N, C-alpha and C. Protein backbone atom coordinates (compact mmCIF):
# COMPACT_ATOMS: atom_id res chain seq x y z
N MET A 1 5.41 49.95 -12.84
CA MET A 1 5.03 50.08 -11.45
C MET A 1 5.73 51.31 -10.86
N SER A 2 4.97 52.15 -10.24
CA SER A 2 5.54 53.37 -9.68
C SER A 2 6.09 53.11 -8.27
N LYS A 3 7.06 53.92 -7.91
CA LYS A 3 7.63 53.81 -6.57
C LYS A 3 6.71 54.49 -5.57
N PRO A 4 6.68 53.98 -4.36
CA PRO A 4 5.81 54.62 -3.36
C PRO A 4 6.32 56.02 -3.03
N TRP A 5 5.38 56.90 -2.73
CA TRP A 5 5.72 58.26 -2.36
C TRP A 5 6.45 58.24 -1.03
N MET A 6 7.45 59.13 -0.92
CA MET A 6 8.14 59.28 0.36
C MET A 6 8.38 60.75 0.62
N PRO A 7 8.49 61.12 1.88
CA PRO A 7 8.75 62.53 2.20
C PRO A 7 10.07 62.98 1.58
N ARG A 8 10.14 64.26 1.29
CA ARG A 8 11.32 64.82 0.63
C ARG A 8 12.62 64.48 1.37
N GLU A 9 12.63 64.60 2.71
CA GLU A 9 13.85 64.32 3.48
C GLU A 9 14.31 62.88 3.25
N GLU A 10 13.38 61.95 3.17
CA GLU A 10 13.73 60.54 2.94
C GLU A 10 14.23 60.34 1.50
N PHE A 11 13.56 60.99 0.55
CA PHE A 11 13.97 60.88 -0.84
C PHE A 11 15.39 61.41 -1.04
N VAL A 12 15.71 62.56 -0.43
CA VAL A 12 17.03 63.16 -0.57
C VAL A 12 18.11 62.18 -0.08
N LYS A 13 17.84 61.44 0.97
CA LYS A 13 18.81 60.47 1.49
C LYS A 13 19.12 59.36 0.48
N THR A 14 18.24 59.13 -0.48
CA THR A 14 18.46 58.07 -1.47
C THR A 14 19.27 58.55 -2.68
N LEU A 15 19.47 59.86 -2.79
CA LEU A 15 20.18 60.40 -3.95
C LEU A 15 21.67 60.09 -3.86
N PRO A 16 22.33 59.93 -5.01
CA PRO A 16 23.78 59.66 -4.99
C PRO A 16 24.55 60.87 -4.48
N ARG A 17 25.68 60.58 -3.86
CA ARG A 17 26.58 61.62 -3.37
C ARG A 17 27.68 61.83 -4.40
N ALA A 18 28.08 63.07 -4.58
CA ALA A 18 29.14 63.40 -5.54
C ALA A 18 29.91 64.60 -5.00
N LEU A 19 31.13 64.74 -5.48
CA LEU A 19 31.96 65.89 -5.15
C LEU A 19 32.04 66.82 -6.34
N HIS A 20 32.30 68.09 -6.06
CA HIS A 20 32.45 69.08 -7.11
C HIS A 20 33.74 69.84 -6.85
N GLY A 21 34.49 70.08 -7.90
CA GLY A 21 35.75 70.78 -7.78
C GLY A 21 35.87 71.88 -8.82
N CYS A 22 37.00 72.56 -8.78
CA CYS A 22 37.26 73.64 -9.73
C CYS A 22 38.75 73.68 -10.03
N GLY A 23 39.07 74.24 -11.17
CA GLY A 23 40.46 74.44 -11.56
C GLY A 23 40.56 75.70 -12.39
N VAL A 24 41.73 76.33 -12.35
CA VAL A 24 41.93 77.59 -13.06
C VAL A 24 43.19 77.51 -13.90
N LEU A 25 43.06 77.79 -15.18
CA LEU A 25 44.23 77.90 -16.05
C LEU A 25 44.65 79.36 -16.10
N LEU A 26 45.95 79.57 -15.90
CA LEU A 26 46.54 80.89 -15.98
C LEU A 26 47.80 80.80 -16.83
N PHE A 27 48.10 81.89 -17.51
CA PHE A 27 49.27 81.94 -18.39
C PHE A 27 50.12 83.14 -18.00
N ASP A 28 51.41 83.05 -18.29
CA ASP A 28 52.26 84.22 -18.09
C ASP A 28 52.14 85.10 -19.33
N PRO A 29 52.77 86.28 -19.35
CA PRO A 29 52.61 87.19 -20.49
C PRO A 29 53.10 86.64 -21.83
N VAL A 30 53.92 85.58 -21.83
CA VAL A 30 54.37 85.00 -23.10
C VAL A 30 53.62 83.71 -23.44
N GLY A 31 52.54 83.41 -22.71
CA GLY A 31 51.67 82.30 -23.08
C GLY A 31 51.99 80.95 -22.46
N ARG A 32 52.88 80.93 -21.47
CA ARG A 32 53.19 79.65 -20.82
C ARG A 32 52.17 79.38 -19.70
N LEU A 33 51.82 78.11 -19.55
CA LEU A 33 50.78 77.66 -18.60
C LEU A 33 51.37 77.45 -17.21
N LEU A 34 50.66 77.92 -16.20
CA LEU A 34 51.06 77.76 -14.80
C LEU A 34 50.54 76.44 -14.24
N LEU A 35 51.42 75.65 -13.64
CA LEU A 35 51.03 74.50 -12.84
C LEU A 35 51.75 74.57 -11.50
N LEU A 36 51.13 73.98 -10.49
CA LEU A 36 51.67 73.94 -9.14
C LEU A 36 52.07 72.50 -8.82
N HIS A 37 53.09 72.34 -8.01
CA HIS A 37 53.54 71.00 -7.59
C HIS A 37 53.11 70.76 -6.14
N ASP A 38 52.47 69.62 -5.90
CA ASP A 38 52.02 69.27 -4.56
C ASP A 38 53.21 69.00 -3.64
N SER A 39 53.13 69.51 -2.43
CA SER A 39 54.15 69.27 -1.42
C SER A 39 54.07 67.82 -0.94
N TYR A 40 55.22 67.31 -0.51
CA TYR A 40 55.24 65.98 0.09
C TYR A 40 55.10 66.12 1.60
N SER A 41 54.27 65.29 2.18
CA SER A 41 54.24 65.14 3.64
C SER A 41 53.89 63.69 3.92
N GLU A 42 54.40 63.19 5.02
CA GLU A 42 54.12 61.79 5.37
C GLU A 42 52.64 61.55 5.56
N SER A 43 51.95 62.50 6.15
CA SER A 43 50.51 62.31 6.38
C SER A 43 49.74 62.26 5.06
N ARG A 44 50.09 63.14 4.12
CA ARG A 44 49.43 63.10 2.80
C ARG A 44 49.75 61.80 2.08
N ALA A 45 51.01 61.37 2.14
CA ALA A 45 51.41 60.13 1.48
C ALA A 45 50.67 58.94 2.10
N ALA A 46 50.52 58.93 3.42
CA ALA A 46 49.81 57.84 4.10
C ALA A 46 48.35 57.77 3.69
N GLN A 47 47.78 58.91 3.31
CA GLN A 47 46.39 58.96 2.87
C GLN A 47 46.23 58.68 1.38
N GLY A 48 47.36 58.43 0.70
CA GLY A 48 47.30 58.09 -0.72
C GLY A 48 47.31 59.27 -1.66
N TRP A 49 47.63 60.46 -1.17
CA TRP A 49 47.68 61.64 -2.03
C TRP A 49 48.97 61.61 -2.83
N PRO A 50 48.88 61.71 -4.15
CA PRO A 50 50.10 61.70 -4.96
C PRO A 50 50.76 63.08 -4.97
N GLN A 51 52.05 63.09 -5.24
CA GLN A 51 52.72 64.35 -5.56
C GLN A 51 52.57 64.52 -7.06
N ARG A 52 52.10 65.65 -7.48
CA ARG A 52 51.88 65.85 -8.91
C ARG A 52 51.88 67.34 -9.22
N TRP A 53 52.00 67.61 -10.51
CA TRP A 53 51.82 68.97 -11.03
C TRP A 53 50.37 69.09 -11.45
N TRP A 54 49.75 70.21 -11.10
CA TRP A 54 48.40 70.44 -11.57
C TRP A 54 48.04 71.91 -11.43
N ALA A 55 46.96 72.31 -12.09
CA ALA A 55 46.50 73.69 -12.07
C ALA A 55 45.96 74.05 -10.68
N PRO A 56 46.00 75.34 -10.34
CA PRO A 56 45.39 75.74 -9.08
C PRO A 56 43.91 75.33 -9.06
N GLY A 57 43.47 74.88 -7.91
CA GLY A 57 42.07 74.48 -7.78
C GLY A 57 41.91 73.49 -6.66
N GLY A 58 40.70 72.97 -6.52
CA GLY A 58 40.42 72.01 -5.47
C GLY A 58 38.94 71.74 -5.38
N LEU A 59 38.54 71.14 -4.28
CA LEU A 59 37.13 70.81 -4.07
C LEU A 59 36.36 72.05 -3.61
N LEU A 60 35.11 72.11 -4.03
CA LEU A 60 34.24 73.20 -3.61
C LEU A 60 33.78 72.97 -2.18
N ASP A 61 33.59 74.05 -1.45
CA ASP A 61 32.99 73.97 -0.13
C ASP A 61 31.49 73.76 -0.30
N ALA A 62 30.83 73.26 0.73
CA ALA A 62 29.38 73.01 0.67
C ALA A 62 28.64 74.27 0.25
N GLY A 63 27.84 74.16 -0.80
CA GLY A 63 27.02 75.27 -1.28
C GLY A 63 27.77 76.33 -2.06
N GLU A 64 29.06 76.15 -2.29
CA GLU A 64 29.87 77.15 -2.97
C GLU A 64 29.69 77.04 -4.49
N ALA A 65 29.51 78.15 -5.16
CA ALA A 65 29.41 78.17 -6.62
C ALA A 65 30.80 77.90 -7.21
N PRO A 66 30.86 77.21 -8.34
CA PRO A 66 32.16 76.87 -8.93
C PRO A 66 33.09 78.07 -9.14
N VAL A 67 32.59 79.17 -9.65
CA VAL A 67 33.47 80.33 -9.90
C VAL A 67 33.97 80.93 -8.59
N ASP A 68 33.15 80.89 -7.55
CA ASP A 68 33.58 81.40 -6.25
C ASP A 68 34.65 80.48 -5.66
N GLY A 69 34.48 79.17 -5.82
CA GLY A 69 35.48 78.22 -5.37
C GLY A 69 36.79 78.40 -6.12
N ALA A 70 36.70 78.68 -7.41
CA ALA A 70 37.90 78.89 -8.21
C ALA A 70 38.67 80.11 -7.71
N ARG A 71 37.96 81.19 -7.43
CA ARG A 71 38.61 82.40 -6.90
C ARG A 71 39.24 82.12 -5.53
N ARG A 72 38.50 81.40 -4.68
CA ARG A 72 39.01 81.09 -3.34
C ARG A 72 40.26 80.22 -3.43
N GLU A 73 40.18 79.13 -4.22
CA GLU A 73 41.33 78.23 -4.35
C GLU A 73 42.55 78.95 -4.93
N LEU A 74 42.32 79.79 -5.91
CA LEU A 74 43.42 80.55 -6.51
C LEU A 74 44.09 81.44 -5.48
N LEU A 75 43.31 82.12 -4.67
CA LEU A 75 43.86 82.98 -3.63
C LEU A 75 44.61 82.14 -2.59
N GLU A 76 44.00 81.04 -2.14
CA GLU A 76 44.64 80.20 -1.13
C GLU A 76 45.94 79.58 -1.62
N GLU A 77 45.97 79.12 -2.86
CA GLU A 77 47.11 78.36 -3.35
C GLU A 77 48.22 79.21 -3.97
N THR A 78 47.88 80.40 -4.45
CA THR A 78 48.90 81.23 -5.14
C THR A 78 49.01 82.64 -4.57
N GLY A 79 48.06 83.05 -3.75
CA GLY A 79 48.04 84.42 -3.27
C GLY A 79 47.51 85.41 -4.29
N LEU A 80 47.06 84.92 -5.44
CA LEU A 80 46.55 85.80 -6.49
C LEU A 80 45.06 86.05 -6.29
N ARG A 81 44.70 87.32 -6.30
CA ARG A 81 43.29 87.71 -6.24
C ARG A 81 42.89 88.11 -7.66
N MET A 82 42.00 87.34 -8.26
CA MET A 82 41.56 87.61 -9.62
C MET A 82 40.27 88.40 -9.59
N ASP A 83 40.36 89.69 -9.86
CA ASP A 83 39.18 90.53 -9.87
C ASP A 83 38.49 90.51 -11.23
N GLY A 84 39.25 90.19 -12.27
CA GLY A 84 38.67 90.11 -13.61
C GLY A 84 37.88 88.83 -13.80
N PRO A 85 37.31 88.66 -14.97
CA PRO A 85 36.48 87.48 -15.21
C PRO A 85 37.29 86.19 -15.23
N LEU A 86 36.70 85.15 -14.68
CA LEU A 86 37.19 83.79 -14.87
C LEU A 86 36.23 83.16 -15.87
N VAL A 87 36.73 82.86 -17.05
CA VAL A 87 35.89 82.39 -18.15
C VAL A 87 35.74 80.87 -18.07
N PRO A 88 34.50 80.36 -18.04
CA PRO A 88 34.31 78.91 -18.03
C PRO A 88 34.83 78.30 -19.33
N ILE A 89 35.67 77.25 -19.21
CA ILE A 89 36.21 76.62 -20.42
C ILE A 89 35.93 75.13 -20.50
N GLY A 90 35.47 74.52 -19.39
CA GLY A 90 35.20 73.10 -19.48
C GLY A 90 34.74 72.48 -18.18
N VAL A 91 34.24 71.27 -18.32
CA VAL A 91 33.78 70.45 -17.20
C VAL A 91 34.30 69.05 -17.44
N ASP A 92 34.82 68.43 -16.38
CA ASP A 92 35.30 67.05 -16.49
C ASP A 92 34.59 66.20 -15.44
N PHE A 93 34.08 65.06 -15.87
CA PHE A 93 33.41 64.13 -14.97
C PHE A 93 34.30 62.90 -14.76
N LEU A 94 34.53 62.57 -13.50
CA LEU A 94 35.26 61.36 -13.14
C LEU A 94 34.32 60.45 -12.38
N PRO A 95 34.13 59.20 -12.83
CA PRO A 95 33.25 58.28 -12.12
C PRO A 95 33.88 57.86 -10.79
N PRO A 96 33.12 57.20 -9.93
CA PRO A 96 33.69 56.74 -8.66
C PRO A 96 34.92 55.87 -8.91
N ALA A 97 35.95 56.08 -8.07
CA ALA A 97 37.19 55.30 -8.20
C ALA A 97 37.97 55.37 -6.91
N GLU A 98 38.64 54.30 -6.59
CA GLU A 98 39.54 54.24 -5.44
C GLU A 98 38.91 54.79 -4.17
N GLY A 99 37.65 54.43 -3.91
CA GLY A 99 36.98 54.86 -2.70
C GLY A 99 36.40 56.26 -2.74
N TRP A 100 36.57 56.96 -3.86
CA TRP A 100 36.02 58.31 -4.00
C TRP A 100 34.67 58.25 -4.71
N PRO A 101 33.76 59.15 -4.34
CA PRO A 101 32.52 59.27 -5.11
C PRO A 101 32.82 59.93 -6.45
N PRO A 102 31.85 60.03 -7.34
CA PRO A 102 32.09 60.74 -8.60
C PRO A 102 32.47 62.20 -8.32
N VAL A 103 33.29 62.75 -9.22
CA VAL A 103 33.73 64.15 -9.09
C VAL A 103 33.48 64.87 -10.41
N THR A 104 32.83 66.01 -10.32
CA THR A 104 32.67 66.90 -11.46
C THR A 104 33.51 68.14 -11.18
N THR A 105 34.44 68.43 -12.10
CA THR A 105 35.33 69.58 -11.92
C THR A 105 35.02 70.63 -12.99
N TYR A 106 34.84 71.85 -12.54
CA TYR A 106 34.55 72.99 -13.41
C TYR A 106 35.85 73.77 -13.63
N PHE A 107 36.22 73.96 -14.89
CA PHE A 107 37.47 74.65 -15.21
C PHE A 107 37.20 76.04 -15.77
N PHE A 108 38.05 76.96 -15.36
CA PHE A 108 37.97 78.35 -15.77
C PHE A 108 39.33 78.79 -16.28
N CYS A 109 39.32 79.86 -17.06
CA CYS A 109 40.58 80.46 -17.50
C CYS A 109 40.61 81.90 -17.02
N GLY A 110 41.71 82.26 -16.37
CA GLY A 110 41.88 83.63 -15.90
C GLY A 110 42.72 84.47 -16.86
N GLY A 111 43.14 83.84 -17.97
CA GLY A 111 43.90 84.56 -18.98
C GLY A 111 45.36 84.73 -18.60
N ALA A 112 45.97 85.78 -19.17
CA ALA A 112 47.39 86.04 -18.97
C ALA A 112 47.59 86.95 -17.76
N LEU A 113 48.52 86.56 -16.92
CA LEU A 113 48.91 87.38 -15.79
C LEU A 113 49.88 88.45 -16.26
N THR A 114 50.04 89.49 -15.47
CA THR A 114 51.10 90.47 -15.72
C THR A 114 52.39 89.93 -15.10
N TRP A 115 53.52 90.51 -15.50
CA TRP A 115 54.78 90.08 -14.89
C TRP A 115 54.77 90.36 -13.39
N GLN A 116 54.11 91.43 -12.98
CA GLN A 116 54.00 91.74 -11.55
C GLN A 116 53.24 90.63 -10.82
N GLN A 117 52.14 90.15 -11.41
CA GLN A 117 51.39 89.05 -10.79
C GLN A 117 52.23 87.77 -10.75
N VAL A 118 52.95 87.49 -11.83
CA VAL A 118 53.81 86.31 -11.86
C VAL A 118 54.80 86.35 -10.70
N GLU A 119 55.41 87.50 -10.49
CA GLU A 119 56.41 87.65 -9.42
C GLU A 119 55.79 87.61 -8.03
N SER A 120 54.49 87.90 -7.93
CA SER A 120 53.85 87.97 -6.61
C SER A 120 53.29 86.62 -6.14
N ILE A 121 53.39 85.58 -6.94
CA ILE A 121 52.83 84.29 -6.55
C ILE A 121 53.47 83.82 -5.24
N THR A 122 52.60 83.49 -4.30
CA THR A 122 53.02 83.00 -2.99
C THR A 122 52.28 81.68 -2.76
N LEU A 123 53.02 80.59 -2.69
CA LEU A 123 52.40 79.27 -2.58
C LEU A 123 51.95 78.96 -1.16
N SER A 124 50.86 78.19 -1.09
CA SER A 124 50.39 77.68 0.20
C SER A 124 51.28 76.50 0.61
N GLU A 125 51.06 76.00 1.81
CA GLU A 125 51.82 74.83 2.27
C GLU A 125 51.51 73.58 1.45
N GLU A 126 50.38 73.60 0.73
CA GLU A 126 50.01 72.47 -0.12
C GLU A 126 50.98 72.27 -1.28
N HIS A 127 51.70 73.33 -1.65
CA HIS A 127 52.55 73.29 -2.84
C HIS A 127 53.97 73.71 -2.52
N ASP A 128 54.93 73.07 -3.20
CA ASP A 128 56.33 73.40 -2.97
C ASP A 128 57.02 74.01 -4.18
N ASP A 129 56.30 74.11 -5.31
CA ASP A 129 56.91 74.70 -6.49
C ASP A 129 55.80 75.13 -7.46
N HIS A 130 56.13 76.05 -8.31
CA HIS A 130 55.24 76.43 -9.41
C HIS A 130 56.13 76.76 -10.61
N GLN A 131 55.60 76.46 -11.79
CA GLN A 131 56.35 76.75 -13.01
C GLN A 131 55.38 77.14 -14.11
N PHE A 132 55.90 77.95 -15.02
CA PHE A 132 55.20 78.28 -16.25
C PHE A 132 55.95 77.57 -17.37
N ARG A 133 55.22 76.80 -18.17
CA ARG A 133 55.82 76.11 -19.31
C ARG A 133 54.83 76.12 -20.47
N GLN A 134 55.37 75.93 -21.67
CA GLN A 134 54.51 75.70 -22.83
C GLN A 134 53.79 74.37 -22.61
N LEU A 135 52.60 74.22 -23.16
CA LEU A 135 51.83 72.99 -22.97
C LEU A 135 52.63 71.76 -23.35
N SER A 136 53.38 71.81 -24.44
CA SER A 136 54.17 70.66 -24.87
C SER A 136 55.24 70.29 -23.85
N GLU A 137 55.71 71.26 -23.09
CA GLU A 137 56.74 71.00 -22.08
C GLU A 137 56.17 70.36 -20.81
N TRP A 138 54.86 70.34 -20.70
CA TRP A 138 54.21 69.69 -19.56
C TRP A 138 53.93 68.21 -19.83
N GLU A 139 54.14 67.75 -21.04
CA GLU A 139 53.80 66.37 -21.39
C GLU A 139 54.56 65.35 -20.55
N ASP A 140 55.85 65.55 -20.36
CA ASP A 140 56.67 64.56 -19.64
C ASP A 140 56.30 64.42 -18.17
N PRO A 141 56.15 65.52 -17.42
CA PRO A 141 55.87 65.33 -15.99
C PRO A 141 54.42 64.96 -15.67
N LEU A 142 53.54 64.94 -16.65
CA LEU A 142 52.12 64.63 -16.41
C LEU A 142 51.77 63.26 -16.98
N SER A 143 50.75 62.64 -16.40
CA SER A 143 50.21 61.41 -17.00
C SER A 143 49.57 61.78 -18.33
N SER A 144 49.40 60.80 -19.19
CA SER A 144 48.78 61.07 -20.49
C SER A 144 47.35 61.59 -20.30
N THR A 145 46.65 61.10 -19.29
CA THR A 145 45.28 61.57 -19.03
C THR A 145 45.29 63.04 -18.61
N MET A 146 46.19 63.40 -17.70
CA MET A 146 46.23 64.79 -17.24
C MET A 146 46.70 65.73 -18.36
N HIS A 147 47.66 65.29 -19.16
CA HIS A 147 48.11 66.14 -20.27
C HIS A 147 46.99 66.27 -21.30
N GLY A 148 46.27 65.19 -21.56
CA GLY A 148 45.14 65.25 -22.48
C GLY A 148 44.06 66.20 -22.00
N ARG A 149 43.79 66.17 -20.70
CA ARG A 149 42.80 67.08 -20.12
C ARG A 149 43.26 68.53 -20.33
N LEU A 150 44.52 68.82 -20.02
CA LEU A 150 45.02 70.18 -20.22
C LEU A 150 44.99 70.60 -21.68
N THR A 151 45.35 69.68 -22.57
CA THR A 151 45.34 69.97 -24.00
C THR A 151 43.94 70.38 -24.45
N ALA A 152 42.94 69.63 -24.02
CA ALA A 152 41.55 69.93 -24.39
C ALA A 152 41.10 71.27 -23.80
N LEU A 153 41.50 71.55 -22.57
CA LEU A 153 41.11 72.80 -21.93
C LEU A 153 41.80 74.01 -22.56
N VAL A 154 43.08 73.87 -22.88
CA VAL A 154 43.80 74.97 -23.54
C VAL A 154 43.21 75.22 -24.93
N ALA A 155 42.86 74.15 -25.64
CA ALA A 155 42.24 74.31 -26.97
C ALA A 155 40.89 75.00 -26.84
N ALA A 156 40.11 74.66 -25.81
CA ALA A 156 38.82 75.32 -25.61
C ALA A 156 39.03 76.81 -25.37
N HIS A 157 40.00 77.14 -24.54
CA HIS A 157 40.31 78.55 -24.28
C HIS A 157 40.72 79.26 -25.56
N ALA A 158 41.57 78.63 -26.35
CA ALA A 158 42.09 79.26 -27.58
C ALA A 158 40.99 79.52 -28.61
N THR A 159 39.97 78.67 -28.62
CA THR A 159 38.89 78.81 -29.61
C THR A 159 37.68 79.56 -29.06
N GLY A 160 37.71 79.91 -27.77
CA GLY A 160 36.58 80.61 -27.17
C GLY A 160 35.39 79.71 -26.95
N ARG A 161 35.63 78.41 -26.90
CA ARG A 161 34.55 77.45 -26.68
C ARG A 161 34.71 76.78 -25.33
N GLN A 162 33.75 75.92 -25.02
CA GLN A 162 33.82 75.11 -23.81
C GLN A 162 33.85 73.65 -24.21
N VAL A 163 34.47 72.83 -23.36
CA VAL A 163 34.59 71.41 -23.66
C VAL A 163 34.03 70.60 -22.49
N ILE A 164 33.32 69.53 -22.83
CA ILE A 164 32.83 68.58 -21.83
C ILE A 164 33.73 67.36 -21.91
N LEU A 165 34.30 66.99 -20.77
CA LEU A 165 35.26 65.88 -20.71
C LEU A 165 34.69 64.75 -19.85
N HIS A 166 35.11 63.55 -20.16
CA HIS A 166 34.84 62.38 -19.33
C HIS A 166 36.18 61.72 -19.09
N CYS A 167 36.63 61.72 -17.85
CA CYS A 167 37.94 61.18 -17.50
C CYS A 167 39.06 61.84 -18.32
N GLY A 168 38.92 63.14 -18.53
CA GLY A 168 39.96 63.90 -19.24
C GLY A 168 39.90 63.85 -20.75
N ARG A 169 38.92 63.15 -21.31
CA ARG A 169 38.82 63.05 -22.76
C ARG A 169 37.55 63.74 -23.24
N PRO A 170 37.67 64.53 -24.32
CA PRO A 170 36.47 65.19 -24.85
C PRO A 170 35.40 64.18 -25.24
N MET A 171 34.17 64.53 -24.96
CA MET A 171 33.05 63.64 -25.31
C MET A 171 32.60 63.93 -26.73
């Protein structure tokens, strides 16, 4: 049995809602991975935002292309303007959870920064620290899911491939 025809505006209202985000992996000249630490504020804590280490990135603005969002978030969060290519390295899908709709995050790699770029990093108010570490050194401060996600993304970058993830695990 077919569904009755409805005008496009009505049909669009029936479609599921989802969020889209982006993240950028960057390395220092000796190959250590950059992560940012979220700042603590009472208002963020009251809204359930965790303090965590994670790659620069965030949610896309309405109609924003993933690579444009990645460049914007990188500039906002680190002060770095990446004029070179941001290479797509993976996509992660998170199903609805804890009151959030599903989220699809597009990951890019900006490669190795110069020492001058490393020294020029200026954090936004969203972050209170940044560090470069080897991937293995990030295992302790990250959840196993987040470390697994980073491991898969770094491996994709190293092999020149892309990875599709579901909840941080390769499919």
